[in-house]
């Protein structure tokens, strides 16, 4: 979408595209439009409309100083090695807790059985 909320149209002859830092898109045929970069009044109210599409039901405003970088892919903010290590640690803690609860349950059942057989 452009700064007016309209789709940016590319022609069949627009083969060499370039995006500038302010979001302007141009081809060998000239400027095609400017990517609409907005800020949302309440980001918590954004609605998901697909894999990476969001819809704002609250008012938006043009970003004061938009910054666009062509040809860059955003990296994940997750360190997979660290998260895998944490997950393994949590799994061990879960297994330990499960074994502890099972042992306590067995102890209680054993105590009940001994009490019942002693009283008979």
C-alpha atoms as a PDB file:
ATOM      1  CA  UNK A   1       0.000   0.000   0.000  1.00  0.00           C
ATOM      2  CA  UNK A   2       1.156   3.501  -0.696  1.00  0.00           C
ATOM      3  CA  UNK A   3       0.948   6.497   1.648  1.00  0.00           C
ATOM      4  CA  UNK A   4      -2.713   6.959   0.625  1.00  0.00           C
ATOM      5  CA  UNK A   5      -3.626   3.322   1.395  1.00  0.00           C
ATOM      6  CA  UNK A   6      -3.816   2.305  -2.268  1.00  0.00           C
ATOM      7  CA  UNK A   7      -2.006  -0.630  -3.911  1.00  0.00           C
ATOM      8  CA  UNK A   8       1.229   0.248  -5.694  1.00  0.00           C
ATOM      9  CA  UNK A   9       0.819  -0.844  -9.319  1.00  0.00           C
ATOM     10  CA  UNK A  10       3.743  -2.268 -11.278  1.00  0.00           C
ATOM     11  CA  UNK A  11       3.670  -2.377 -15.035  1.00  0.00           C
ATOM     12  CA  UNK A  12       4.891  -5.265 -17.153  1.00  0.00           C
ATOM     13  CA  UNK A  13       7.832  -3.120 -18.257  1.00  0.00           C
ATOM     14  CA  UNK A  14       8.875  -2.324 -14.675  1.00  0.00           C
ATOM     15  CA  UNK A  15      11.652  -4.893 -14.328  1.00  0.00           C
ATOM     16  CA  UNK A  16      14.399  -3.090 -12.410  1.00  0.00           C
ATOM     17  CA  UNK A  17      12.946  -2.008  -9.082  1.00  0.00           C
ATOM     18  CA  UNK A  18      14.653   0.048  -6.416  1.00  0.00           C
ATOM     19  CA  UNK A  19      13.485   1.089  -2.957  1.00  0.00           C
ATOM     20  CA  UNK A  20      14.991   4.154  -1.298  1.00  0.00           C
ATOM     21  CA  UNK A  21      15.385   4.738   2.433  1.00  0.00           C
ATOM     22  CA  UNK A  22      12.181   6.795   2.650  1.00  0.00           C
ATOM     23  CA  UNK A  23      10.152   3.981   1.038  1.00  0.00           C
ATOM     24  CA  UNK A  24       9.933   5.353  -2.508  1.00  0.00           C
ATOM     25  CA  UNK A  25       9.694   2.619  -5.143  1.00  0.00           C
ATOM     26  CA  UNK A  26      10.998   3.315  -8.629  1.00  0.00           C
ATOM     27  CA  UNK A  27      11.793   1.429 -11.786  1.00  0.00           C
ATOM     28  CA  UNK A  28      13.630   2.249 -14.965  1.00  0.00           C
ATOM     29  CA  UNK A  29      10.366   3.962 -16.003  1.00  0.00           C
ATOM     30  CA  UNK A  30      10.253   6.362 -13.051  1.00  0.00           C
ATOM     31  CA  UNK A  31       8.798   6.604  -9.550  1.00  0.00           C
ATOM     32  CA  UNK A  32       5.948   4.157  -8.936  1.00  0.00           C
ATOM     33  CA  UNK A  33       4.913   5.208  -5.454  1.00  0.00           C
ATOM     34  CA  UNK A  34       5.916   5.413  -1.842  1.00  0.00           C
ATOM     35  CA  UNK A  35       5.367   2.615   0.665  1.00  0.00           C
ATOM     36  CA  UNK A  36       2.980   3.686   3.405  1.00  0.00           C
ATOM     37  CA  UNK A  37       4.771   3.328   6.726  1.00  0.00           C
ATOM     38  CA  UNK A  38       2.539   4.114   9.679  1.00  0.00           C
ATOM     39  CA  UNK A  39       2.492   4.047  13.437  1.00  0.00           C
ATOM     40  CA  UNK A  40      -0.496   2.534  15.215  1.00  0.00           C
ATOM     41  CA  UNK A  41      -2.227   4.321  18.076  1.00  0.00           C
ATOM     42  CA  UNK A  42      -2.682   1.045  20.005  1.00  0.00           C
ATOM     43  CA  UNK A  43      -0.446  -1.825  18.747  1.00  0.00           C
ATOM     44  CA  UNK A  44      -2.190  -4.310  21.046  1.00  0.00           C
ATOM     45  CA  UNK A  45      -5.343  -4.025  18.923  1.00  0.00           C
ATOM     46  CA  UNK A  46      -3.725  -5.141  15.650  1.00  0.00           C
ATOM     47  CA  UNK A  47      -5.589  -8.015  13.999  1.00  0.00           C
ATOM     48  CA  UNK A  48      -3.749 -10.784  12.158  1.00  0.00           C
ATOM     49  CA  UNK A  49      -4.849 -11.283   8.561  1.00  0.00           C
ATOM     50  CA  UNK A  50      -2.346 -13.914   7.498  1.00  0.00           C
ATOM     51  CA  UNK A  51       1.255 -14.935   7.868  1.00  0.00           C
ATOM     52  CA  UNK A  52       2.728 -11.428   8.100  1.00  0.00           C
ATOM     53  CA  UNK A  53      -0.265  -9.175   7.427  1.00  0.00           C
ATOM     54  CA  UNK A  54      -1.780  -7.046  10.155  1.00  0.00           C
ATOM     55  CA  UNK A  55      -4.885  -4.861  10.129  1.00  0.00           C
ATOM     56  CA  UNK A  56      -5.293  -1.861  12.398  1.00  0.00           C
ATOM     57  CA  UNK A  57      -8.811  -1.107  13.629  1.00  0.00           C
ATOM     58  CA  UNK A  58      -7.465   1.891  15.516  1.00  0.00           C
ATOM     59  CA  UNK A  59      -6.253   5.127  13.912  1.00  0.00           C
ATOM     60  CA  UNK A  60      -2.839   5.199  12.260  1.00  0.00           C
ATOM     61  CA  UNK A  61      -0.559   8.073  11.370  1.00  0.00           C
ATOM     62  CA  UNK A  62       2.336   8.433   8.957  1.00  0.00           C
ATOM     63  CA  UNK A  63       5.684   7.555  10.546  1.00  0.00           C
ATOM     64  CA  UNK A  64       7.729  10.674  11.240  1.00  0.00           C
ATOM     65  CA  UNK A  65      11.010   9.345   9.837  1.00  0.00           C
ATOM     66  CA  UNK A  66      10.446   6.036   8.049  1.00  0.00           C
ATOM     67  CA  UNK A  67      13.453   3.889   7.295  1.00  0.00           C
ATOM     68  CA  UNK A  68      13.412   1.175   4.645  1.00  0.00           C
ATOM     69  CA  UNK A  69      16.374  -0.948   3.573  1.00  0.00           C
ATOM     70  CA  UNK A  70      16.191  -2.745   0.242  1.00  0.00           C
ATOM     71  CA  UNK A  71      17.349  -6.358  -0.015  1.00  0.00           C
ATOM     72  CA  UNK A  72      17.537  -7.037   3.704  1.00  0.00           C
ATOM     73  CA  UNK A  73      15.802  -9.929   5.411  1.00  0.00           C
ATOM     74  CA  UNK A  74      14.885  -9.414   9.040  1.00  0.00           C
ATOM     75  CA  UNK A  75      16.563 -11.896  11.366  1.00  0.00           C
ATOM     76  CA  UNK A  76      14.744 -13.748  14.064  1.00  0.00           C
ATOM     77  CA  UNK A  77      14.999 -12.329  17.559  1.00  0.00           C
ATOM     78  CA  UNK A  78      15.418 -15.872  18.898  1.00  0.00           C
ATOM     79  CA  UNK A  79      18.757 -17.519  19.566  1.00  0.00           C
ATOM     80  CA  UNK A  80      17.960 -21.157  18.686  1.00  0.00           C
ATOM     81  CA  UNK A  81      20.915 -22.681  20.569  1.00  0.00           C
ATOM     82  CA  UNK A  82      20.051 -20.807  23.775  1.00  0.00           C
ATOM     83  CA  UNK A  83      16.348 -21.653  23.482  1.00  0.00           C
ATOM     84  CA  UNK A  84      17.082 -25.335  22.816  1.00  0.00           C
ATOM     85  CA  UNK A  85      19.324 -25.420  25.885  1.00  0.00           C
ATOM     86  CA  UNK A  86      16.594 -23.805  27.983  1.00  0.00           C
ATOM     87  CA  UNK A  87      14.018 -26.239  26.642  1.00  0.00           C
ATOM     88  CA  UNK A  88      16.234 -29.209  27.557  1.00  0.00           C
ATOM     89  CA  UNK A  89      16.715 -27.803  31.062  1.00  0.00           C
ATOM     90  CA  UNK A  90      12.962 -27.322  31.485  1.00  0.00           C
ATOM     91  CA  UNK A  91      12.380 -30.899  30.267  1.00  0.00           C
ATOM     92  CA  UNK A  92      14.806 -32.252  32.882  1.00  0.00           C
ATOM     93  CA  UNK A  93      13.103 -30.193  35.600  1.00  0.00           C
ATOM     94  CA  UNK A  94       9.710 -31.512  34.481  1.00  0.00           C
ATOM     95  CA  UNK A  95      10.950 -35.120  34.532  1.00  0.00           C
ATOM     96  CA  UNK A  96      12.470 -34.650  37.995  1.00  0.00           C
ATOM     97  CA  UNK A  97       9.234 -33.155  39.338  1.00  0.00           C
ATOM     98  CA  UNK A  98       7.173 -35.958  37.788  1.00  0.00           C
ATOM     99  CA  UNK A  99       9.426 -38.607  39.362  1.00  0.00           C
ATOM    100  CA  UNK A 100       9.262 -36.846  42.731  1.00  0.00           C
ATOM    101  CA  UNK A 101       5.465 -36.747  42.635  1.00  0.00           C
ATOM    102  CA  UNK A 102       5.291 -40.405  41.605  1.00  0.00           C
ATOM    103  CA  UNK A 103       7.631 -41.398  44.451  1.00  0.00           C
ATOM    104  CA  UNK A 104       5.546 -39.389  46.939  1.00  0.00           C
ATOM    105  CA  UNK A 105       2.355 -41.008  45.626  1.00  0.00           C
ATOM    106  CA  UNK A 106       3.934 -44.464  46.002  1.00  0.00           C
ATOM    107  CA  UNK A 107       5.033 -43.618  49.569  1.00  0.00           C
ATOM    108  CA  UNK A 108       1.528 -42.451  50.522  1.00  0.00           C
ATOM    109  CA  UNK A 109      -0.051 -45.573  48.978  1.00  0.00           C
ATOM    110  CA  UNK A 110       2.444 -47.786  50.812  1.00  0.00           C
ATOM    111  CA  UNK A 111       1.677 -46.050  54.103  1.00  0.00           C
ATOM    112  CA  UNK A 112      -2.059 -46.500  53.563  1.00  0.00           C
ATOM    113  CA  UNK A 113      -1.597 -50.184  52.685  1.00  0.00           C
ATOM    114  CA  UNK A 114       0.548 -50.822  55.785  1.00  0.00           C
ATOM    115  CA  UNK A 115      -1.940 -48.987  57.999  1.00  0.00           C
ATOM    116  CA  UNK A 116      -4.853 -51.002  56.599  1.00  0.00           C
ATOM    117  CA  UNK A 117      -3.054 -54.361  56.937  1.00  0.00           C
ATOM    118  CA  UNK A 118      -1.832 -53.552  60.474  1.00  0.00           C
ATOM    119  CA  UNK A 119      -5.351 -52.659  61.569  1.00  0.00           C
ATOM    120  CA  UNK A 120      -6.883 -55.901  60.270  1.00  0.00           C
END
